[in-house]
Amino acid sequence: MDIGKLKNNYEYYEGYEGEEEIILESVENPTLNIHIWNGYFEDIFDSPNMNGMGWHGFTRDYHQDEGAYSGERHILDLEEYKDDLLLYENKKYNYPETSEVFSLILDFLYYAIDSGDSITMEVL
């Protein structure tokens, strides 16, 4: 996997400075980090499954103000967050860039899983 797109990537936050920012960062290699406008997260996670089975990963954090959304830098359970993200794989998004953001986050999680890195998430 080409990790160049995972290094200090602000592509999906440029132009949104001053609005809520999501940062995913490798603990072992802090130069591997992606910065994402919260609007893309809203686009992905705004319509969760309401089957009563409970929410996990990004969905839980986003809708219940837990994890990084509670104001703390949060270490992700990579498998849990990957599995949660994959629930939104076939969703139709409001912004054309959201599918690119989805893929970027998924690539970042897969890279971390494969390399044994830990990933933190922070909402600023």
PDB file of N, CA and C in Angstrom:
ATOM      1  N   MET A   1       0.840  -1.178   0.000  1.00  0.00           N
ATOM      2  CA  MET A   1       0.000   0.000   0.000  1.00  0.00           C
ATOM      3  C   MET A   1       0.887   1.245   0.000  1.00  0.00           C
ATOM      4  N   ASP A   2       0.535   2.199  -0.835  1.00  0.00           N
ATOM      5  CA  ASP A   2       1.227   3.481  -0.865  1.00  0.00           C
ATOM      6  C   ASP A   2       0.757   4.311   0.317  1.00  0.00           C
ATOM      7  N   ILE A   3       1.658   4.561   1.279  1.00  0.00           N
ATOM      8  CA  ILE A   3       1.247   5.306   2.469  1.00  0.00           C
ATOM      9  C   ILE A   3       1.448   6.812   2.320  1.00  0.00           C
ATOM     10  N   GLY A   4       1.878   7.262   1.145  1.00  0.00           N
ATOM     11  CA  GLY A   4       2.084   8.689   0.923  1.00  0.00           C
ATOM     12  C   GLY A   4       0.850   9.518   1.223  1.00  0.00           C
ATOM     13  N   LYS A   5      -0.326   8.996   0.897  1.00  0.00           N
ATOM     14  CA  LYS A   5      -1.563   9.745   1.142  1.00  0.00           C
ATOM     15  C   LYS A   5      -1.950   9.751   2.616  1.00  0.00           C
ATOM     16  N   LEU A   6      -1.239   8.979   3.436  1.00  0.00           N
ATOM     17  CA  LEU A   6      -1.516   8.948   4.876  1.00  0.00           C
ATOM     18  C   LEU A   6      -0.595   9.861   5.670  1.00  0.00           C
ATOM     19  N   LYS A   7       0.348  10.522   4.992  1.00  0.00           N
ATOM     20  CA  LYS A   7       1.317  11.376   5.669  1.00  0.00           C
ATOM     21  C   LYS A   7       0.850  12.829   5.650  1.00  0.00           C
ATOM     22  N   ASN A   8       0.607  13.364   6.849  1.00  0.00           N
ATOM     23  CA  ASN A   8       0.246  14.779   7.003  1.00  0.00           C
ATOM     24  C   ASN A   8      -0.779  15.223   5.958  1.00  0.00           C
ATOM     25  N   ASN A   9      -1.849  14.474   5.823  1.00  0.00           N
ATOM     26  CA  ASN A   9      -2.844  14.718   4.790  1.00  0.00           C
ATOM     27  C   ASN A   9      -3.933  15.663   5.302  1.00  0.00           C
ATOM     28  N   TYR A  10      -3.945  16.867   4.742  1.00  0.00           N
ATOM     29  CA  TYR A  10      -4.954  17.882   5.062  1.00  0.00           C
ATOM     30  C   TYR A  10      -5.933  18.071   3.901  1.00  0.00           C
ATOM     31  N   GLU A  11      -5.848  17.245   2.875  1.00  0.00           N
ATOM     32  CA  GLU A  11      -6.639  17.439   1.663  1.00  0.00           C
ATOM     33  C   GLU A  11      -8.127  17.602   1.947  1.00  0.00           C
ATOM     34  N   TYR A  12      -8.649  16.866   2.918  1.00  0.00           N
ATOM     35  CA  TYR A  12     -10.089  16.912   3.182  1.00  0.00           C
ATOM     36  C   TYR A  12     -10.435  17.791   4.373  1.00  0.00           C
ATOM     37  N   TYR A  13      -9.497  18.669   4.727  1.00  0.00           N
ATOM     38  CA  TYR A  13      -9.787  19.704   5.723  1.00  0.00           C
ATOM     39  C   TYR A  13      -9.478  21.098   5.182  1.00  0.00           C
ATOM     40  N   GLU A  14      -8.677  21.188   4.135  1.00  0.00           N
ATOM     41  CA  GLU A  14      -8.341  22.489   3.549  1.00  0.00           C
ATOM     42  C   GLU A  14      -9.608  23.201   3.114  1.00  0.00           C
ATOM     43  N   GLY A  15      -9.725  24.470   3.486  1.00  0.00           N
ATOM     44  CA  GLY A  15     -10.893  25.259   3.142  1.00  0.00           C
ATOM     45  C   GLY A  15     -11.966  25.233   4.222  1.00  0.00           C
ATOM     46  N   TYR A  16     -11.792  24.385   5.227  1.00  0.00           N
ATOM     47  CA  TYR A  16     -12.773  24.272   6.317  1.00  0.00           C
ATOM     48  C   TYR A  16     -12.176  24.716   7.650  1.00  0.00           C
ATOM     49  N   GLU A  17     -11.011  25.398   7.605  1.00  0.00           N
ATOM     50  CA  GLU A  17     -10.349  25.823   8.821  1.00  0.00           C
ATOM     51  C   GLU A  17     -11.333  26.595   9.693  1.00  0.00           C
ATOM     52  N   GLY A  18     -11.301  26.305  10.994  1.00  0.00           N
ATOM     53  CA  GLY A  18     -12.217  26.945  11.923  1.00  0.00           C
ATOM     54  C   GLY A  18     -13.464  26.117  12.180  1.00  0.00           C
ATOM     55  N   GLU A  19     -13.722  25.133  11.340  1.00  0.00           N
ATOM     56  CA  GLU A  19     -14.839  24.217  11.567  1.00  0.00           C
ATOM     57  C   GLU A  19     -14.282  22.946  12.208  1.00  0.00           C
ATOM     58  N   GLU A  20     -15.158  22.118  12.743  1.00  0.00           N
ATOM     59  CA  GLU A  20     -14.713  20.926  13.455  1.00  0.00           C
ATOM     60  C   GLU A  20     -13.838  20.042  12.574  1.00  0.00           C
ATOM     61  N   GLU A  21     -12.722  19.609  13.160  1.00  0.00           N
ATOM     62  CA  GLU A  21     -11.713  18.820  12.448  1.00  0.00           C
ATOM     63  C   GLU A  21     -11.539  17.470  13.141  1.00  0.00           C
ATOM     64  N   ILE A  22     -11.503  16.418  12.351  1.00  0.00           N
ATOM     65  CA  ILE A  22     -11.223  15.071  12.839  1.00  0.00           C
ATOM     66  C   ILE A  22      -9.781  14.754  12.465  1.00  0.00           C
ATOM     67  N   ILE A  23      -9.004  14.291  13.438  1.00  0.00           N
ATOM     68  CA  ILE A  23      -7.615  13.908  13.172  1.00  0.00           C
ATOM     69  C   ILE A  23      -7.442  12.440  13.553  1.00  0.00           C
ATOM     70  N   LEU A  24      -7.002  11.639  12.599  1.00  0.00           N
ATOM     71  CA  LEU A  24      -6.600  10.263  12.852  1.00  0.00           C
ATOM     72  C   LEU A  24      -5.086  10.221  12.714  1.00  0.00           C
ATOM     73  N   GLU A  25      -4.408   9.655  13.729  1.00  0.00           N
ATOM     74  CA  GLU A  25      -2.943   9.707  13.744  1.00  0.00           C
ATOM     75  C   GLU A  25      -2.371   8.409  14.298  1.00  0.00           C
ATOM     76  N   SER A  26      -1.276   7.968  13.694  1.00  0.00           N
ATOM     77  CA  SER A  26      -0.552   6.799  14.178  1.00  0.00           C
ATOM     78  C   SER A  26       0.230   7.171  15.437  1.00  0.00           C
ATOM     79  N   VAL A  27       0.136   6.346  16.459  1.00  0.00           N
ATOM     80  CA  VAL A  27       0.902   6.562  17.684  1.00  0.00           C
ATOM     81  C   VAL A  27       2.376   6.287  17.424  1.00  0.00           C
ATOM     82  N   GLU A  28       2.656   5.221  16.680  1.00  0.00           N
ATOM     83  CA  GLU A  28       4.036   4.812  16.430  1.00  0.00           C
ATOM     84  C   GLU A  28       4.738   5.706  15.412  1.00  0.00           C
ATOM     85  N   ASN A  29       4.011   6.311  14.505  1.00  0.00           N
ATOM     86  CA  ASN A  29       4.588   7.168  13.472  1.00  0.00           C
ATOM     87  C   ASN A  29       3.688   8.391  13.279  1.00  0.00           C
ATOM     88  N   PRO A  30       3.852   9.421  14.110  1.00  0.00           N
ATOM     89  CA  PRO A  30       2.953  10.581  14.080  1.00  0.00           C
ATOM     90  C   PRO A  30       2.918  11.347  12.751  1.00  0.00           C
ATOM     91  N   THR A  31       3.863  11.088  11.842  1.00  0.00           N
ATOM     92  CA  THR A  31       3.768  11.736  10.534  1.00  0.00           C
ATOM     93  C   THR A  31       2.657  11.130   9.695  1.00  0.00           C
ATOM     94  N   LEU A  32       2.165   9.955  10.106  1.00  0.00           N
ATOM     95  CA  LEU A  32       1.020   9.352   9.443  1.00  0.00           C
ATOM     96  C   LEU A  32      -0.238   9.880  10.129  1.00  0.00           C
ATOM     97  N   ASN A  33      -0.871  10.838   9.488  1.00  0.00           N
ATOM     98  CA  ASN A  33      -2.075  11.447  10.047  1.00  0.00           C
ATOM     99  C   ASN A  33      -2.927  12.015   8.931  1.00  0.00           C
ATOM    100  N   ILE A  34      -4.236  11.936   9.133  1.00  0.00           N
ATOM    101  CA  ILE A  34      -5.171  12.507   8.177  1.00  0.00           C
ATOM    102  C   ILE A  34      -6.099  13.459   8.923  1.00  0.00           C
ATOM    103  N   HIS A  35      -6.390  14.572   8.290  1.00  0.00           N
ATOM    104  CA  HIS A  35      -7.232  15.620   8.860  1.00  0.00           C
ATOM    105  C   HIS A  35      -8.471  15.737   7.975  1.00  0.00           C
ATOM    106  N   ILE A  36      -9.640  15.650   8.606  1.00  0.00           N
ATOM    107  CA  ILE A  36     -10.886  15.560   7.849  1.00  0.00           C
ATOM    108  C   ILE A  36     -11.902  16.534   8.427  1.00  0.00           C
ATOM    109  N   TRP A  37     -12.582  17.241   7.555  1.00  0.00           N
ATOM    110  CA  TRP A  37     -13.680  18.111   7.962  1.00  0.00           C
ATOM    111  C   TRP A  37     -14.809  17.251   8.535  1.00  0.00           C
ATOM    112  N   ASN A  38     -15.359  17.662   9.665  1.00  0.00           N
ATOM    113  CA  ASN A  38     -16.420  16.901  10.314  1.00  0.00           C
ATOM    114  C   ASN A  38     -17.644  16.720   9.418  1.00  0.00           C
ATOM    115  N   GLY A  39     -17.856  17.609   8.474  1.00  0.00           N
ATOM    116  CA  GLY A  39     -18.984  17.478   7.552  1.00  0.00           C
ATOM    117  C   GLY A  39     -18.947  16.179   6.775  1.00  0.00           C
ATOM    118  N   TYR A  40     -17.754  15.692   6.460  1.00  0.00           N
ATOM    119  CA  TYR A  40     -17.653  14.401   5.775  1.00  0.00           C
ATOM    120  C   TYR A  40     -18.049  13.263   6.718  1.00  0.00           C
ATOM    121  N   PHE A  41     -17.671  13.381   8.000  1.00  0.00           N
ATOM    122  CA  PHE A  41     -18.095  12.381   8.980  1.00  0.00           C
ATOM    123  C   PHE A  41     -19.613  12.390   9.117  1.00  0.00           C
ATOM    124  N   GLU A  42     -20.199  13.571   9.165  1.00  0.00           N
ATOM    125  CA  GLU A  42     -21.655  13.671   9.224  1.00  0.00           C
ATOM    126  C   GLU A  42     -22.281  12.976   8.028  1.00  0.00           C
ATOM    127  N   ASP A  43     -21.713  13.192   6.862  1.00  0.00           N
ATOM    128  CA  ASP A  43     -22.250  12.598   5.639  1.00  0.00           C
ATOM    129  C   ASP A  43     -22.199  11.073   5.697  1.00  0.00           C
ATOM    130  N   ILE A  44     -21.148  10.535   6.275  1.00  0.00           N
ATOM    131  CA  ILE A  44     -21.017   9.080   6.369  1.00  0.00           C
ATOM    132  C   ILE A  44     -21.929   8.516   7.468  1.00  0.00           C
ATOM    133  N   PHE A  45     -21.898   9.110   8.649  1.00  0.00           N
ATOM    134  CA  PHE A  45     -22.500   8.493   9.835  1.00  0.00           C
ATOM    135  C   PHE A  45     -23.840   9.081  10.265  1.00  0.00           C
ATOM    136  N   ASP A  46     -24.447   9.973   9.475  1.00  0.00           N
ATOM    137  CA  ASP A  46     -25.666  10.653   9.924  1.00  0.00           C
ATOM    138  C   ASP A  46     -26.913   9.775   9.936  1.00  0.00           C
ATOM    139  N   SER A  47     -26.905   8.662   9.260  1.00  0.00           N
ATOM    140  CA  SER A  47     -28.087   7.784   9.202  1.00  0.00           C
ATOM    141  C   SER A  47     -27.713   6.375   9.648  1.00  0.00           C
ATOM    142  N   PRO A  48     -27.551   6.181  10.965  1.00  0.00           N
ATOM    143  CA  PRO A  48     -27.118   4.865  11.446  1.00  0.00           C
ATOM    144  C   PRO A  48     -28.232   3.840  11.387  1.00  0.00           C
ATOM    145  N   ASN A  49     -27.842   2.599  11.454  1.00  0.00           N
ATOM    146  CA  ASN A  49     -28.779   1.491  11.525  1.00  0.00           C
ATOM    147  C   ASN A  49     -29.558   1.604  12.838  1.00  0.00           C
ATOM    148  N   MET A  50     -30.849   1.512  12.757  1.00  0.00           N
ATOM    149  CA  MET A  50     -31.703   1.632  13.945  1.00  0.00           C
ATOM    150  C   MET A  50     -32.309   0.277  14.314  1.00  0.00           C
ATOM    151  N   ASN A  51     -31.551  -0.802  14.160  1.00  0.00           N
ATOM    152  CA  ASN A  51     -32.069  -2.148  14.401  1.00  0.00           C
ATOM    153  C   ASN A  51     -32.124  -2.523  15.880  1.00  0.00           C
ATOM    154  N   GLY A  52     -31.663  -1.634  16.762  1.00  0.00           N
ATOM    155  CA  GLY A  52     -31.710  -1.912  18.190  1.00  0.00           C
ATOM    156  C   GLY A  52     -30.583  -2.795  18.690  1.00  0.00           C
ATOM    157  N   MET A  53     -29.626  -3.103  17.826  1.00  0.00           N
ATOM    158  CA  MET A  53     -28.509  -3.966  18.206  1.00  0.00           C
ATOM    159  C   MET A  53     -27.354  -3.189  18.841  1.00  0.00           C
ATOM    160  N   GLY A  54     -27.493  -1.888  18.931  1.00  0.00           N
ATOM    161  CA  GLY A  54     -26.438  -1.065  19.505  1.00  0.00           C
ATOM    162  C   GLY A  54     -25.476  -0.559  18.457  1.00  0.00           C
ATOM    163  N   TRP A  55     -24.851   0.535  18.763  1.00  0.00           N
ATOM    164  CA  TRP A  55     -23.892   1.151  17.851  1.00  0.00           C
ATOM    165  C   TRP A  55     -22.482   0.864  18.326  1.00  0.00           C
ATOM    166  N   HIS A  56     -21.530   0.879  17.379  1.00  0.00           N
ATOM    167  CA  HIS A  56     -20.132   0.605  17.677  1.00  0.00           C
ATOM    168  C   HIS A  56     -19.260   1.604  16.926  1.00  0.00           C
ATOM    169  N   GLY A  57     -18.008   1.664  17.299  1.00  0.00           N
ATOM    170  CA  GLY A  57     -17.018   2.433  16.554  1.00  0.00           C
ATOM    171  C   GLY A  57     -17.386   3.885  16.340  1.00  0.00           C
ATOM    172  N   PHE A  58     -17.152   4.347  15.115  1.00  0.00           N
ATOM    173  CA  PHE A  58     -17.412   5.738  14.769  1.00  0.00           C
ATOM    174  C   PHE A  58     -18.874   6.119  15.004  1.00  0.00           C
ATOM    175  N   THR A  59     -19.793   5.212  14.671  1.00  0.00           N
ATOM    176  CA  THR A  59     -21.220   5.502  14.821  1.00  0.00           C
ATOM    177  C   THR A  59     -21.556   5.806  16.275  1.00  0.00           C
ATOM    178  N   ARG A  60     -21.117   4.967  17.185  1.00  0.00           N
ATOM    179  CA  ARG A  60     -21.361   5.180  18.620  1.00  0.00           C
ATOM    180  C   ARG A  60     -20.752   6.503  19.077  1.00  0.00           C
ATOM    181  N   ASP A  61     -19.493   6.702  18.733  1.00  0.00           N
ATOM    182  CA  ASP A  61     -18.809   7.914  19.181  1.00  0.00           C
ATOM    183  C   ASP A  61     -19.510   9.158  18.671  1.00  0.00           C
ATOM    184  N   TYR A  62     -19.869   9.152  17.395  1.00  0.00           N
ATOM    185  CA  TYR A  62     -20.484  10.317  16.765  1.00  0.00           C
ATOM    186  C   TYR A  62     -21.860  10.619  17.357  1.00  0.00           C
ATOM    187  N   HIS A  63     -22.686   9.614  17.507  1.00  0.00           N
ATOM    188  CA  HIS A  63     -24.070   9.833  17.934  1.00  0.00           C
ATOM    189  C   HIS A  63     -24.242   9.906  19.446  1.00  0.00           C
ATOM    190  N   GLN A  64     -23.317   9.348  20.202  1.00  0.00           N
ATOM    191  CA  GLN A  64     -23.447   9.333  21.655  1.00  0.00           C
ATOM    192  C   GLN A  64     -22.405  10.195  22.343  1.00  0.00           C
ATOM    193  N   ASP A  65     -21.675  11.011  21.583  1.00  0.00           N
ATOM    194  CA  ASP A  65     -20.629  11.876  22.141  1.00  0.00           C
ATOM    195  C   ASP A  65     -19.663  11.088  23.025  1.00  0.00           C
ATOM    196  N   GLU A  66     -19.187   9.980  22.508  1.00  0.00           N
ATOM    197  CA  GLU A  66     -18.216   9.154  23.211  1.00  0.00           C
ATOM    198  C   GLU A  66     -16.885   9.187  22.475  1.00  0.00           C
ATOM    199  N   GLY A  67     -15.893   8.499  23.029  1.00  0.00           N
ATOM    200  CA  GLY A  67     -14.585   8.443  22.384  1.00  0.00           C
ATOM    201  C   GLY A  67     -14.046   9.834  22.124  1.00  0.00           C
ATOM    202  N   ALA A  68     -13.578  10.068  20.910  1.00  0.00           N
ATOM    203  CA  ALA A  68     -13.008  11.366  20.547  1.00  0.00           C
ATOM    204  C   ALA A  68     -14.044  12.484  20.617  1.00  0.00           C
ATOM    205  N   TYR A  69     -15.304  12.153  20.431  1.00  0.00           N
ATOM    206  CA  TYR A  69     -16.361  13.170  20.492  1.00  0.00           C
ATOM    207  C   TYR A  69     -16.678  13.593  21.924  1.00  0.00           C
ATOM    208  N   SER A  70     -16.063  12.955  22.911  1.00  0.00           N
ATOM    209  CA  SER A  70     -16.241  13.368  24.299  1.00  0.00           C
ATOM    210  C   SER A  70     -15.181  14.388  24.703  1.00  0.00           C
ATOM    211  N   GLY A  71     -14.335  14.770  23.745  1.00  0.00           N
ATOM    212  CA  GLY A  71     -13.309  15.776  24.020  1.00  0.00           C
ATOM    213  C   GLY A  71     -11.950  15.207  24.342  1.00  0.00           C
ATOM    214  N   GLU A  72     -11.800  13.910  24.268  1.00  0.00           N
ATOM    215  CA  GLU A  72     -10.527  13.274  24.581  1.00  0.00           C
ATOM    216  C   GLU A  72      -9.871  12.731  23.320  1.00  0.00           C
ATOM    217  N   ARG A  73      -8.569  12.627  23.359  1.00  0.00           N
ATOM    218  CA  ARG A  73      -7.855  11.909  22.302  1.00  0.00           C
ATOM    219  C   ARG A  73      -8.083  10.438  22.571  1.00  0.00           C
ATOM    220  N   HIS A  74      -8.607   9.731  21.611  1.00  0.00           N
ATOM    221  CA  HIS A  74      -9.124   8.386  21.823  1.00  0.00           C
ATOM    222  C   HIS A  74      -8.356   7.377  20.972  1.00  0.00           C
ATOM    223  N   ILE A  75      -7.904   6.286  21.589  1.00  0.00           N
ATOM    224  CA  ILE A  75      -7.257   5.201  20.845  1.00  0.00           C
ATOM    225  C   ILE A  75      -8.341   4.271  20.314  1.00  0.00           C
ATOM    226  N   LEU A  76      -8.278   3.983  19.025  1.00  0.00           N
ATOM    227  CA  LEU A  76      -9.313   3.189  18.373  1.00  0.00           C
ATOM    228  C   LEU A  76      -9.065   1.691  18.503  1.00  0.00           C
ATOM    229  N   ASP A  77     -10.126   0.947  18.682  1.00  0.00           N
ATOM    230  CA  ASP A  77     -10.100  -0.502  18.517  1.00  0.00           C
ATOM    231  C   ASP A  77     -10.243  -0.705  17.010  1.00  0.00           C
ATOM    232  N   LEU A  78      -9.155  -0.950  16.337  1.00  0.00           N
ATOM    233  CA  LEU A  78      -9.115  -0.881  14.877  1.00  0.00           C
ATOM    234  C   LEU A  78     -10.119  -1.797  14.191  1.00  0.00           C
ATOM    235  N   GLU A  79     -10.263  -3.008  14.662  1.00  0.00           N
ATOM    236  CA  GLU A  79     -11.220  -3.930  14.037  1.00  0.00           C
ATOM    237  C   GLU A  79     -12.653  -3.434  14.222  1.00  0.00           C
ATOM    238  N   GLU A  80     -12.973  -2.958  15.417  1.00  0.00           N
ATOM    239  CA  GLU A  80     -14.316  -2.447  15.680  1.00  0.00           C
ATOM    240  C   GLU A  80     -14.642  -1.259  14.778  1.00  0.00           C
ATOM    241  N   TYR A  81     -13.704  -0.327  14.663  1.00  0.00           N
ATOM    242  CA  TYR A  81     -13.949   0.879  13.872  1.00  0.00           C
ATOM    243  C   TYR A  81     -13.975   0.561  12.377  1.00  0.00           C
ATOM    244  N   LYS A  82     -13.144  -0.373  11.949  1.00  0.00           N
ATOM    245  CA  LYS A  82     -13.170  -0.802  10.540  1.00  0.00           C
ATOM    246  C   LYS A  82     -14.513  -1.451  10.215  1.00  0.00           C
ATOM    247  N   ASP A  83     -14.941  -2.371  11.063  1.00  0.00           N
ATOM    248  CA  ASP A  83     -16.210  -3.061  10.825  1.00  0.00           C
ATOM    249  C   ASP A  83     -17.375  -2.080  10.810  1.00  0.00           C
ATOM    250  N   ASP A  84     -17.343  -1.103  11.700  1.00  0.00           N
ATOM    251  CA  ASP A  84     -18.405  -0.095  11.724  1.00  0.00           C
ATOM    252  C   ASP A  84     -18.387   0.725  10.439  1.00  0.00           C
ATOM    253  N   LEU A  85     -17.225   1.177  10.029  1.00  0.00           N
ATOM    254  CA  LEU A  85     -17.116   1.976   8.811  1.00  0.00           C
ATOM    255  C   LEU A  85     -17.650   1.209   7.603  1.00  0.00           C
ATOM    256  N   LEU A  86     -17.347  -0.059   7.522  1.00  0.00           N
ATOM    257  CA  LEU A  86     -17.782  -0.862   6.374  1.00  0.00           C
ATOM    258  C   LEU A  86     -19.310  -0.971   6.253  1.00  0.00           C
ATOM    259  N   LEU A  87     -20.023  -0.708   7.327  1.00  0.00           N
ATOM    260  CA  LEU A  87     -21.489  -0.703   7.265  1.00  0.00           C
ATOM    261  C   LEU A  87     -22.014   0.397   6.342  1.00  0.00           C
ATOM    262  N   TYR A  88     -21.194   1.406   6.067  1.00  0.00           N
ATOM    263  CA  TYR A  88     -21.602   2.561   5.266  1.00  0.00           C
ATOM    264  C   TYR A  88     -21.012   2.528   3.855  1.00  0.00           C
ATOM    265  N   GLU A  89     -20.437   1.403   3.482  1.00  0.00           N
ATOM    266  CA  GLU A  89     -19.711   1.283   2.218  1.00  0.00           C
ATOM    267  C   GLU A  89     -20.576   1.583   0.990  1.00  0.00           C
ATOM    268  N   ASN A  90     -21.809   1.199   0.995  1.00  0.00           N
ATOM    269  CA  ASN A  90     -22.660   1.369  -0.179  1.00  0.00           C
ATOM    270  C   ASN A  90     -23.649   2.529  -0.046  1.00  0.00           C
ATOM    271  N   LYS A  91     -23.429   3.372   0.931  1.00  0.00           N
ATOM    272  CA  LYS A  91     -24.316   4.509   1.160  1.00  0.00           C
ATOM    273  C   LYS A  91     -24.136   5.546   0.050  1.00  0.00           C
ATOM    274  N   LYS A  92     -25.213   6.234  -0.285  1.00  0.00           N
ATOM    275  CA  LYS A  92     -25.127   7.365  -1.217  1.00  0.00           C
ATOM    276  C   LYS A  92     -24.850   8.617  -0.385  1.00  0.00           C
ATOM    277  N   TYR A  93     -23.788   9.308  -0.736  1.00  0.00           N
ATOM    278  CA  TYR A  93     -23.350  10.463   0.039  1.00  0.00           C
ATOM    279  C   TYR A  93     -23.824  11.768  -0.593  1.00  0.00           C
ATOM    280  N   ASN A  94     -23.908  12.798   0.245  1.00  0.00           N
ATOM    281  CA  ASN A  94     -24.323  14.124  -0.225  1.00  0.00           C
ATOM    282  C   ASN A  94     -23.204  14.877  -0.942  1.00  0.00           C
ATOM    283  N   TYR A  95     -21.962  14.621  -0.546  1.00  0.00           N
ATOM    284  CA  TYR A  95     -20.812  15.300  -1.143  1.00  0.00           C
ATOM    285  C   TYR A  95     -20.026  14.298  -1.983  1.00  0.00           C
ATOM    286  N   PRO A  96     -19.611  14.679  -3.178  1.00  0.00           N
ATOM    287  CA  PRO A  96     -18.847  13.734  -4.006  1.00  0.00           C
ATOM    288  C   PRO A  96     -17.535  13.284  -3.353  1.00  0.00           C
ATOM    289  N   GLU A  97     -16.928  14.142  -2.535  1.00  0.00           N
ATOM    290  CA  GLU A  97     -15.650  13.804  -1.904  1.00  0.00           C
ATOM    291  C   GLU A  97     -15.794  12.792  -0.774  1.00  0.00           C
ATOM    292  N   THR A  98     -17.002  12.610  -0.264  1.00  0.00           N
ATOM    293  CA  THR A  98     -17.191  11.723   0.889  1.00  0.00           C
ATOM    294  C   THR A  98     -16.754  10.302   0.578  1.00  0.00           C
ATOM    295  N   SER A  99     -16.984   9.821  -0.619  1.00  0.00           N
ATOM    296  CA  SER A  99     -16.553   8.457  -0.945  1.00  0.00           C
ATOM    297  C   SER A  99     -15.025   8.362  -0.920  1.00  0.00           C
ATOM    298  N   GLU A 100     -14.343   9.446  -1.290  1.00  0.00           N
ATOM    299  CA  GLU A 100     -12.880   9.468  -1.208  1.00  0.00           C
ATOM    300  C   GLU A 100     -12.425   9.468   0.251  1.00  0.00           C
ATOM    301  N   VAL A 101     -13.121  10.222   1.091  1.00  0.00           N
ATOM    302  CA  VAL A 101     -12.808  10.266   2.525  1.00  0.00           C
ATOM    303  C   VAL A 101     -13.039   8.889   3.137  1.00  0.00           C
ATOM    304  N   PHE A 102     -14.148   8.266   2.785  1.00  0.00           N
ATOM    305  CA  PHE A 102     -14.444   6.913   3.254  1.00  0.00           C
ATOM    306  C   PHE A 102     -13.265   5.979   2.929  1.00  0.00           C
ATOM    307  N   SER A 103     -12.815   5.996   1.692  1.00  0.00           N
ATOM    308  CA  SER A 103     -11.711   5.129   1.261  1.00  0.00           C
ATOM    309  C   SER A 103     -10.415   5.464   1.988  1.00  0.00           C
ATOM    310  N   LEU A 104     -10.164   6.746   2.202  1.00  0.00           N
ATOM    311  CA  LEU A 104      -8.956   7.171   2.907  1.00  0.00           C
ATOM    312  C   LEU A 104      -8.951   6.654   4.348  1.00  0.00           C
ATOM    313  N   ILE A 105     -10.063   6.805   5.039  1.00  0.00           N
ATOM    314  CA  ILE A 105     -10.163   6.309   6.415  1.00  0.00           C
ATOM    315  C   ILE A 105      -9.978   4.791   6.437  1.00  0.00           C
ATOM    316  N   LEU A 106     -10.640   4.106   5.531  1.00  0.00           N
ATOM    317  CA  LEU A 106     -10.538   2.649   5.477  1.00  0.00           C
ATOM    318  C   LEU A 106      -9.097   2.217   5.190  1.00  0.00           C
ATOM    319  N   ASP A 107      -8.437   2.875   4.246  1.00  0.00           N
ATOM    320  CA  ASP A 107      -7.030   2.566   3.956  1.00  0.00           C
ATOM    321  C   ASP A 107      -6.160   2.785   5.187  1.00  0.00           C
ATOM    322  N   PHE A 108      -6.424   3.870   5.915  1.00  0.00           N
ATOM    323  CA  PHE A 108      -5.648   4.182   7.116  1.00  0.00           C
ATOM    324  C   PHE A 108      -5.834   3.074   8.162  1.00  0.00           C
ATOM    325  N   LEU A 109      -7.061   2.636   8.357  1.00  0.00           N
ATOM    326  CA  LEU A 109      -7.325   1.569   9.320  1.00  0.00           C
ATOM    327  C   LEU A 109      -6.677   0.256   8.886  1.00  0.00           C
ATOM    328  N   TYR A 110      -6.790  -0.091   7.608  1.00  0.00           N
ATOM    329  CA  TYR A 110      -6.152  -1.312   7.114  1.00  0.00           C
ATOM    330  C   TYR A 110      -4.631  -1.246   7.263  1.00  0.00           C
ATOM    331  N   TYR A 111      -4.049  -0.092   6.953  1.00  0.00           N
ATOM    332  CA  TYR A 111      -2.602   0.057   7.117  1.00  0.00           C
ATOM    333  C   TYR A 111      -2.209  -0.195   8.572  1.00  0.00           C
ATOM    334  N   ALA A 112      -2.935   0.434   9.495  1.00  0.00           N
ATOM    335  CA  ALA A 112      -2.613   0.294  10.912  1.00  0.00           C
ATOM    336  C   ALA A 112      -2.769  -1.155  11.374  1.00  0.00           C
ATOM    337  N   ILE A 113      -3.818  -1.809  10.935  1.00  0.00           N
ATOM    338  CA  ILE A 113      -4.028  -3.217  11.304  1.00  0.00           C
ATOM    339  C   ILE A 113      -2.879  -4.074  10.779  1.00  0.00           C
ATOM    340  N   ASP A 114      -2.526  -3.883   9.520  1.00  0.00           N
ATOM    341  CA  ASP A 114      -1.459  -4.686   8.898  1.00  0.00           C
ATOM    342  C   ASP A 114      -0.096  -4.439   9.510  1.00  0.00           C
ATOM    343  N   SER A 115       0.164  -3.182   9.922  1.00  0.00           N
ATOM    344  CA  SER A 115       1.487  -2.840  10.448  1.00  0.00           C
ATOM    345  C   SER A 115       1.578  -2.928  11.956  1.00  0.00           C
ATOM    346  N   GLY A 116       0.446  -3.149  12.625  1.00  0.00           N
ATOM    347  CA  GLY A 116       0.456  -3.224  14.083  1.00  0.00           C
ATOM    348  C   GLY A 116       0.499  -1.874  14.771  1.00  0.00           C
ATOM    349  N   ASP A 117       0.218  -0.790  14.029  1.00  0.00           N
ATOM    350  CA  ASP A 117       0.183   0.546  14.619  1.00  0.00           C
ATOM    351  C   ASP A 117      -1.087   0.732  15.454  1.00  0.00           C
ATOM    352  N   SER A 118      -1.019   1.667  16.378  1.00  0.00           N
ATOM    353  CA  SER A 118      -2.179   2.135  17.121  1.00  0.00           C
ATOM    354  C   SER A 118      -2.590   3.464  16.502  1.00  0.00           C
ATOM    355  N   ILE A 119      -3.884   3.726  16.467  1.00  0.00           N
ATOM    356  CA  ILE A 119      -4.397   4.960  15.883  1.00  0.00           C
ATOM    357  C   ILE A 119      -5.195   5.723  16.929  1.00  0.00           C
ATOM    358  N   THR A 120      -4.934   7.015  17.013  1.00  0.00           N
ATOM    359  CA  THR A 120      -5.748   7.866  17.879  1.00  0.00           C
ATOM    360  C   THR A 120      -6.650   8.720  17.012  1.00  0.00           C
ATOM    361  N   MET A 121      -7.754   9.121  17.597  1.00  0.00           N
ATOM    362  CA  MET A 121      -8.691  10.026  16.938  1.00  0.00           C
ATOM    363  C   MET A 121      -8.940  11.183  17.878  1.00  0.00           C
ATOM    364  N   GLU A 122      -8.971  12.370  17.308  1.00  0.00           N
ATOM    365  CA  GLU A 122      -9.215  13.582  18.079  1.00  0.00           C
ATOM    366  C   GLU A 122     -10.163  14.464  17.292  1.00  0.00           C
ATOM    367  N   VAL A 123     -11.097  15.097  17.986  1.00  0.00           N
ATOM    368  CA  VAL A 123     -12.033  16.028  17.363  1.00  0.00           C
ATOM    369  C   VAL A 123     -11.718  17.408  17.916  1.00  0.00           C
ATOM    370  N   LEU A 124     -11.360  18.316  17.030  1.00  0.00           N
ATOM    371  CA  LEU A 124     -11.021  19.685  17.457  1.00  0.00           C
ATOM    372  C   LEU A 124     -12.031  20.677  16.921  1.00  0.00           C
TER     373      LEU A 124
END
